[in-house]
Amino acid sequence: MFVQWTQDRELHGFLPEIARGLCVPGGYPYPMNEHDERGTTMTGVDPSRLDDQQLMKELETIHRTRHDTLLYASNDALRAHNERMAQLEGEYLRRNPRRLVSAGRTREGARERGCGETASPGVPGT
């Protein structure tokens, strides 16, 4: 709407000189400066800038959407999802190098586990 207004004003000579160069025919602004991110993949906030709570929320969200992305998203969307997931998980692992690892989630633990036993405490079937 603003673009159309500026074009109308430019045609009739009502636009100040400084504003006349902001739009090209068709209503699109001229290419932006170094902050122009058109044509780049938007992957969200750098994981290192997230606090622990924000990081966990991002991880929960991306894991919740994983299945639908795999089944129904375009190849580009799946690629972006993979990249973002790797960034978030990498940051989590960097922050938590000594995280609790359930014995049932290791090869040895899985071999020792009998039928019907859970791999994670309190989580059935994992």
N, C-alpha and C. Protein backbone atom coordinates (compact mmCIF):
# COMPACT_ATOMS: atom_id res chain seq x y z
N MET A 1 0.82 -1.18 0.00
CA MET A 1 0.00 0.00 0.00
C MET A 1 0.88 1.26 0.00
N PHE A 2 1.89 1.30 0.88
CA PHE A 2 2.79 2.44 0.91
C PHE A 2 3.51 2.60 -0.42
N VAL A 3 3.91 1.45 -0.99
CA VAL A 3 4.62 1.50 -2.26
C VAL A 3 3.74 2.11 -3.33
N GLN A 4 2.48 1.70 -3.39
CA GLN A 4 1.57 2.26 -4.37
C GLN A 4 1.38 3.76 -4.14
N TRP A 5 1.25 4.16 -2.88
CA TRP A 5 1.10 5.58 -2.54
C TRP A 5 2.33 6.36 -3.01
N THR A 6 3.53 5.81 -2.76
CA THR A 6 4.74 6.52 -3.17
C THR A 6 4.84 6.60 -4.69
N GLN A 7 4.42 5.54 -5.37
CA GLN A 7 4.46 5.57 -6.83
C GLN A 7 3.49 6.61 -7.39
N ASP A 8 2.29 6.68 -6.82
CA ASP A 8 1.32 7.68 -7.26
C ASP A 8 1.85 9.08 -7.04
N ARG A 9 2.46 9.30 -5.89
CA ARG A 9 3.00 10.63 -5.58
C ARG A 9 4.17 10.96 -6.50
N GLU A 10 4.99 9.96 -6.80
CA GLU A 10 6.14 10.19 -7.67
C GLU A 10 5.68 10.57 -9.08
N LEU A 11 4.64 9.90 -9.56
CA LEU A 11 4.12 10.20 -10.88
C LEU A 11 3.60 11.63 -10.96
N HIS A 12 3.06 12.12 -9.87
CA HIS A 12 2.49 13.46 -9.86
C HIS A 12 3.43 14.51 -9.28
N GLY A 13 4.68 14.13 -8.99
CA GLY A 13 5.67 15.07 -8.53
C GLY A 13 5.53 15.48 -7.07
N PHE A 14 4.76 14.74 -6.28
CA PHE A 14 4.54 15.11 -4.89
C PHE A 14 5.56 14.50 -3.93
N LEU A 15 6.39 13.62 -4.41
CA LEU A 15 7.31 12.90 -3.53
C LEU A 15 8.61 13.68 -3.38
N PRO A 16 9.09 13.86 -2.16
CA PRO A 16 10.37 14.55 -1.98
C PRO A 16 11.49 13.83 -2.71
N GLU A 17 12.51 14.54 -3.09
CA GLU A 17 13.63 14.00 -3.86
C GLU A 17 14.24 12.78 -3.19
N ILE A 18 14.45 12.83 -1.88
CA ILE A 18 15.10 11.72 -1.19
C ILE A 18 14.27 10.44 -1.24
N ALA A 19 12.95 10.56 -1.26
CA ALA A 19 12.09 9.38 -1.27
C ALA A 19 11.87 8.82 -2.66
N ARG A 20 12.18 9.58 -3.70
CA ARG A 20 11.92 9.11 -5.06
C ARG A 20 12.77 7.91 -5.44
N GLY A 21 13.95 7.79 -4.88
CA GLY A 21 14.84 6.69 -5.25
C GLY A 21 14.62 5.41 -4.46
N LEU A 22 13.61 5.40 -3.58
CA LEU A 22 13.41 4.21 -2.74
C LEU A 22 12.75 3.06 -3.47
N CYS A 23 11.98 3.32 -4.51
CA CYS A 23 11.24 2.26 -5.18
C CYS A 23 11.61 2.20 -6.66
N VAL A 24 11.58 1.00 -7.19
CA VAL A 24 11.79 0.80 -8.61
C VAL A 24 10.44 0.47 -9.22
N PRO A 25 10.31 0.53 -10.54
CA PRO A 25 9.04 0.16 -11.16
C PRO A 25 8.60 -1.23 -10.70
N GLY A 26 7.32 -1.37 -10.42
CA GLY A 26 6.80 -2.63 -9.92
C GLY A 26 6.62 -2.61 -8.42
N GLY A 27 7.13 -1.57 -7.76
CA GLY A 27 6.89 -1.40 -6.34
C GLY A 27 7.90 -2.07 -5.44
N TYR A 28 8.95 -2.64 -5.97
CA TYR A 28 9.94 -3.30 -5.13
C TYR A 28 11.04 -2.33 -4.76
N PRO A 29 11.48 -2.35 -3.51
CA PRO A 29 12.56 -1.45 -3.12
C PRO A 29 13.86 -1.87 -3.81
N TYR A 30 14.75 -0.91 -3.95
CA TYR A 30 16.07 -1.25 -4.48
C TYR A 30 16.75 -2.23 -3.55
N PRO A 31 17.71 -3.01 -4.04
CA PRO A 31 18.40 -3.96 -3.17
C PRO A 31 18.93 -3.26 -1.92
N MET A 32 18.80 -3.95 -0.82
CA MET A 32 19.20 -3.38 0.46
C MET A 32 20.69 -3.51 0.66
N ASN A 33 21.17 -2.94 1.76
CA ASN A 33 22.59 -2.96 2.08
C ASN A 33 22.99 -4.31 2.68
N GLU A 34 24.03 -4.33 3.51
CA GLU A 34 24.56 -5.58 4.04
C GLU A 34 23.57 -6.34 4.92
N HIS A 35 22.46 -5.72 5.30
CA HIS A 35 21.45 -6.42 6.11
C HIS A 35 20.44 -7.16 5.26
N ASP A 36 20.54 -7.06 3.97
CA ASP A 36 19.62 -7.74 3.07
C ASP A 36 19.88 -9.24 3.14
N GLU A 37 18.87 -10.00 3.50
CA GLU A 37 19.04 -11.45 3.64
C GLU A 37 18.20 -12.22 2.64
N ARG A 38 17.74 -11.54 1.59
CA ARG A 38 16.96 -12.26 0.59
C ARG A 38 17.83 -13.32 -0.07
N GLY A 39 17.26 -14.50 -0.29
CA GLY A 39 18.00 -15.57 -0.94
C GLY A 39 18.83 -16.40 0.03
N THR A 40 18.79 -16.07 1.32
CA THR A 40 19.51 -16.88 2.29
C THR A 40 18.50 -17.67 3.12
N THR A 41 18.93 -18.77 3.67
CA THR A 41 18.07 -19.59 4.50
C THR A 41 17.97 -18.97 5.88
N MET A 42 16.76 -18.76 6.34
CA MET A 42 16.54 -18.24 7.68
C MET A 42 16.45 -19.42 8.63
N THR A 43 17.35 -19.46 9.58
CA THR A 43 17.38 -20.62 10.48
C THR A 43 17.09 -20.24 11.92
N GLY A 44 16.71 -19.03 12.18
CA GLY A 44 16.41 -18.64 13.54
C GLY A 44 17.61 -18.05 14.25
N VAL A 45 17.43 -17.81 15.53
CA VAL A 45 18.47 -17.20 16.36
C VAL A 45 19.62 -18.18 16.53
N ASP A 46 20.82 -17.66 16.50
CA ASP A 46 22.01 -18.48 16.73
C ASP A 46 21.83 -19.19 18.08
N PRO A 47 21.91 -20.51 18.12
CA PRO A 47 21.68 -21.24 19.37
C PRO A 47 22.57 -20.80 20.53
N SER A 48 23.77 -20.31 20.25
CA SER A 48 24.65 -19.87 21.33
C SER A 48 24.12 -18.62 22.02
N ARG A 49 23.19 -17.91 21.38
CA ARG A 49 22.60 -16.71 21.97
C ARG A 49 21.36 -17.00 22.80
N LEU A 50 20.87 -18.24 22.76
CA LEU A 50 19.69 -18.62 23.53
C LEU A 50 20.09 -18.98 24.95
N ASP A 51 19.23 -18.62 25.92
CA ASP A 51 19.51 -19.11 27.27
C ASP A 51 19.05 -20.57 27.35
N ASP A 52 19.35 -21.23 28.45
CA ASP A 52 19.06 -22.67 28.55
C ASP A 52 17.58 -22.99 28.35
N GLN A 53 16.70 -22.18 28.92
CA GLN A 53 15.27 -22.41 28.78
C GLN A 53 14.81 -22.23 27.33
N GLN A 54 15.31 -21.20 26.67
CA GLN A 54 14.96 -20.97 25.26
C GLN A 54 15.48 -22.10 24.38
N LEU A 55 16.69 -22.57 24.66
CA LEU A 55 17.26 -23.66 23.89
C LEU A 55 16.41 -24.91 24.02
N MET A 56 15.98 -25.24 25.24
CA MET A 56 15.15 -26.42 25.44
C MET A 56 13.81 -26.28 24.72
N LYS A 57 13.24 -25.09 24.73
CA LYS A 57 11.97 -24.86 24.04
C LYS A 57 12.15 -25.06 22.53
N GLU A 58 13.23 -24.52 21.98
CA GLU A 58 13.52 -24.70 20.55
C GLU A 58 13.71 -26.17 20.21
N LEU A 59 14.44 -26.89 21.07
CA LEU A 59 14.65 -28.33 20.83
C LEU A 59 13.33 -29.10 20.88
N GLU A 60 12.49 -28.79 21.85
CA GLU A 60 11.20 -29.47 21.95
C GLU A 60 10.35 -29.21 20.71
N THR A 61 10.36 -27.97 20.24
CA THR A 61 9.57 -27.61 19.06
C THR A 61 10.07 -28.32 17.82
N ILE A 62 11.37 -28.32 17.61
CA ILE A 62 11.90 -28.93 16.39
C ILE A 62 11.73 -30.45 16.39
N HIS A 63 11.83 -31.07 17.57
CA HIS A 63 11.60 -32.51 17.63
C HIS A 63 10.12 -32.84 17.43
N ARG A 64 9.23 -31.98 17.92
CA ARG A 64 7.79 -32.20 17.76
C ARG A 64 7.39 -32.10 16.28
N THR A 65 8.05 -31.25 15.51
CA THR A 65 7.69 -31.05 14.10
C THR A 65 8.46 -31.97 13.15
N ARG A 66 9.38 -32.74 13.67
CA ARG A 66 10.26 -33.55 12.83
C ARG A 66 9.52 -34.52 11.91
N HIS A 67 8.58 -35.27 12.46
CA HIS A 67 7.91 -36.30 11.68
C HIS A 67 7.15 -35.71 10.49
N ASP A 68 6.37 -34.66 10.73
CA ASP A 68 5.64 -34.03 9.64
C ASP A 68 6.57 -33.43 8.60
N THR A 69 7.68 -32.87 9.06
CA THR A 69 8.64 -32.29 8.11
C THR A 69 9.22 -33.39 7.23
N LEU A 70 9.58 -34.50 7.82
CA LEU A 70 10.12 -35.63 7.05
C LEU A 70 9.11 -36.14 6.04
N LEU A 71 7.87 -36.28 6.45
CA LEU A 71 6.86 -36.88 5.57
C LEU A 71 6.32 -35.93 4.51
N TYR A 72 6.15 -34.65 4.85
CA TYR A 72 5.37 -33.78 3.98
C TYR A 72 6.08 -32.53 3.46
N ALA A 73 7.23 -32.19 3.99
CA ALA A 73 7.88 -30.94 3.59
C ALA A 73 8.69 -31.12 2.31
N SER A 74 8.99 -30.00 1.68
CA SER A 74 9.84 -30.02 0.49
C SER A 74 11.26 -30.41 0.89
N ASN A 75 12.06 -30.75 -0.09
CA ASN A 75 13.46 -31.10 0.18
C ASN A 75 14.21 -29.93 0.81
N ASP A 76 13.93 -28.72 0.34
CA ASP A 76 14.58 -27.54 0.92
C ASP A 76 14.18 -27.35 2.38
N ALA A 77 12.90 -27.55 2.67
CA ALA A 77 12.43 -27.40 4.06
C ALA A 77 13.04 -28.48 4.95
N LEU A 78 13.14 -29.70 4.44
CA LEU A 78 13.75 -30.78 5.22
C LEU A 78 15.23 -30.50 5.45
N ARG A 79 15.91 -29.98 4.45
CA ARG A 79 17.32 -29.63 4.60
C ARG A 79 17.50 -28.54 5.66
N ALA A 80 16.65 -27.53 5.62
CA ALA A 80 16.72 -26.46 6.62
C ALA A 80 16.42 -26.99 8.02
N HIS A 81 15.45 -27.90 8.10
CA HIS A 81 15.10 -28.51 9.38
C HIS A 81 16.28 -29.31 9.92
N ASN A 82 16.94 -30.08 9.06
CA ASN A 82 18.12 -30.86 9.47
C ASN A 82 19.22 -29.95 10.00
N GLU A 83 19.47 -28.86 9.27
CA GLU A 83 20.54 -27.94 9.67
C GLU A 83 20.23 -27.28 11.01
N ARG A 84 18.98 -26.85 11.18
CA ARG A 84 18.60 -26.20 12.44
C ARG A 84 18.66 -27.20 13.60
N MET A 85 18.19 -28.41 13.37
CA MET A 85 18.22 -29.42 14.42
C MET A 85 19.66 -29.71 14.83
N ALA A 86 20.55 -29.83 13.87
CA ALA A 86 21.96 -30.08 14.17
C ALA A 86 22.56 -28.92 14.97
N GLN A 87 22.21 -27.68 14.61
CA GLN A 87 22.71 -26.53 15.35
C GLN A 87 22.24 -26.56 16.80
N LEU A 88 20.95 -26.79 16.99
CA LEU A 88 20.38 -26.79 18.35
C LEU A 88 20.93 -27.94 19.18
N GLU A 89 20.97 -29.14 18.60
CA GLU A 89 21.48 -30.29 19.35
C GLU A 89 22.97 -30.13 19.65
N GLY A 90 23.72 -29.60 18.71
CA GLY A 90 25.14 -29.36 18.94
C GLY A 90 25.37 -28.39 20.09
N GLU A 91 24.56 -27.35 20.15
CA GLU A 91 24.67 -26.38 21.25
C GLU A 91 24.30 -27.03 22.58
N TYR A 92 23.26 -27.86 22.58
CA TYR A 92 22.88 -28.55 23.81
C TYR A 92 24.02 -29.45 24.30
N LEU A 93 24.61 -30.20 23.39
CA LEU A 93 25.72 -31.09 23.76
C LEU A 93 26.94 -30.31 24.22
N ARG A 94 27.20 -29.16 23.59
CA ARG A 94 28.31 -28.32 24.01
C ARG A 94 28.12 -27.84 25.45
N ARG A 95 26.89 -27.46 25.77
CA ARG A 95 26.60 -26.97 27.12
C ARG A 95 26.52 -28.08 28.16
N ASN A 96 26.21 -29.28 27.73
CA ASN A 96 25.98 -30.39 28.66
C ASN A 96 26.86 -31.59 28.33
N PRO A 97 28.16 -31.43 28.39
CA PRO A 97 29.05 -32.54 28.00
C PRO A 97 28.94 -33.74 28.94
N ARG A 98 28.48 -33.53 30.16
CA ARG A 98 28.36 -34.63 31.12
C ARG A 98 26.90 -34.95 31.42
N ARG A 99 26.06 -34.84 30.41
CA ARG A 99 24.64 -35.09 30.62
C ARG A 99 24.41 -36.54 31.04
N LEU A 100 23.31 -36.76 31.73
CA LEU A 100 22.97 -38.10 32.19
C LEU A 100 22.66 -38.99 30.99
N VAL A 101 23.33 -40.13 30.92
CA VAL A 101 23.08 -41.09 29.86
C VAL A 101 22.51 -42.35 30.51
N SER A 102 21.32 -42.72 30.11
CA SER A 102 20.67 -43.91 30.65
C SER A 102 21.39 -45.15 30.13
N ALA A 103 21.69 -46.07 31.03
CA ALA A 103 22.40 -47.30 30.64
C ALA A 103 21.62 -48.07 29.57
N GLY A 104 20.30 -47.99 29.63
CA GLY A 104 19.47 -48.69 28.65
C GLY A 104 19.54 -48.10 27.25
N ARG A 105 20.11 -46.91 27.12
CA ARG A 105 20.23 -46.27 25.81
C ARG A 105 21.60 -46.51 25.18
N THR A 106 22.38 -47.40 25.75
CA THR A 106 23.67 -47.78 25.18
C THR A 106 23.53 -49.15 24.54
N ARG A 107 24.48 -49.54 23.70
CA ARG A 107 24.42 -50.88 23.09
C ARG A 107 24.44 -51.98 24.14
N GLU A 108 25.35 -51.82 25.08
CA GLU A 108 25.46 -52.84 26.12
C GLU A 108 24.17 -52.92 26.93
N GLY A 109 23.63 -51.79 27.28
CA GLY A 109 22.40 -51.78 28.05
C GLY A 109 21.23 -52.38 27.28
N ALA A 110 21.18 -52.12 25.99
CA ALA A 110 20.11 -52.66 25.16
C ALA A 110 20.22 -54.18 25.06
N ARG A 111 21.44 -54.70 25.00
CA ARG A 111 21.62 -56.16 24.95
C ARG A 111 21.19 -56.82 26.25
N GLU A 112 21.44 -56.13 27.34
CA GLU A 112 21.09 -56.68 28.65
C GLU A 112 19.61 -56.55 28.96
N ARG A 113 18.96 -55.64 28.29
CA ARG A 113 17.55 -55.39 28.55
C ARG A 113 16.71 -56.53 28.02
N GLY A 114 15.80 -56.98 28.82
CA GLY A 114 14.90 -58.05 28.39
C GLY A 114 13.66 -57.46 27.76
N CYS A 115 12.79 -58.30 27.22
CA CYS A 115 11.55 -57.84 26.62
C CYS A 115 10.68 -57.16 27.66
N GLY A 116 10.07 -56.05 27.26
CA GLY A 116 9.17 -55.32 28.14
C GLY A 116 9.84 -54.33 29.06
N GLU A 117 11.17 -54.34 29.15
CA GLU A 117 11.86 -53.37 30.00
C GLU A 117 12.04 -52.07 29.24
N THR A 118 12.08 -50.98 29.98
CA THR A 118 12.25 -49.68 29.34
C THR A 118 13.72 -49.30 29.31
N ALA A 119 14.05 -48.49 28.34
CA ALA A 119 15.43 -48.04 28.19
C ALA A 119 15.72 -46.81 29.02
N SER A 120 14.68 -46.02 29.27
CA SER A 120 14.84 -44.79 30.07
C SER A 120 13.95 -44.92 31.31
N PRO A 121 14.46 -44.52 32.44
CA PRO A 121 13.66 -44.61 33.65
C PRO A 121 12.37 -43.82 33.52
N GLY A 122 11.25 -44.46 33.78
CA GLY A 122 9.96 -43.78 33.76
C GLY A 122 9.39 -43.51 32.39
N VAL A 123 10.04 -43.98 31.34
CA VAL A 123 9.54 -43.75 29.98
C VAL A 123 9.32 -45.09 29.32
N PRO A 124 8.05 -45.51 29.21
CA PRO A 124 7.77 -46.83 28.63
C PRO A 124 8.20 -46.92 27.17
N GLY A 125 8.80 -48.03 26.81
CA GLY A 125 9.13 -48.34 25.43
C GLY A 125 10.25 -47.55 24.80
N THR A 126 11.07 -46.89 25.61
CA THR A 126 12.18 -46.13 25.01
C THR A 126 13.49 -46.85 25.19
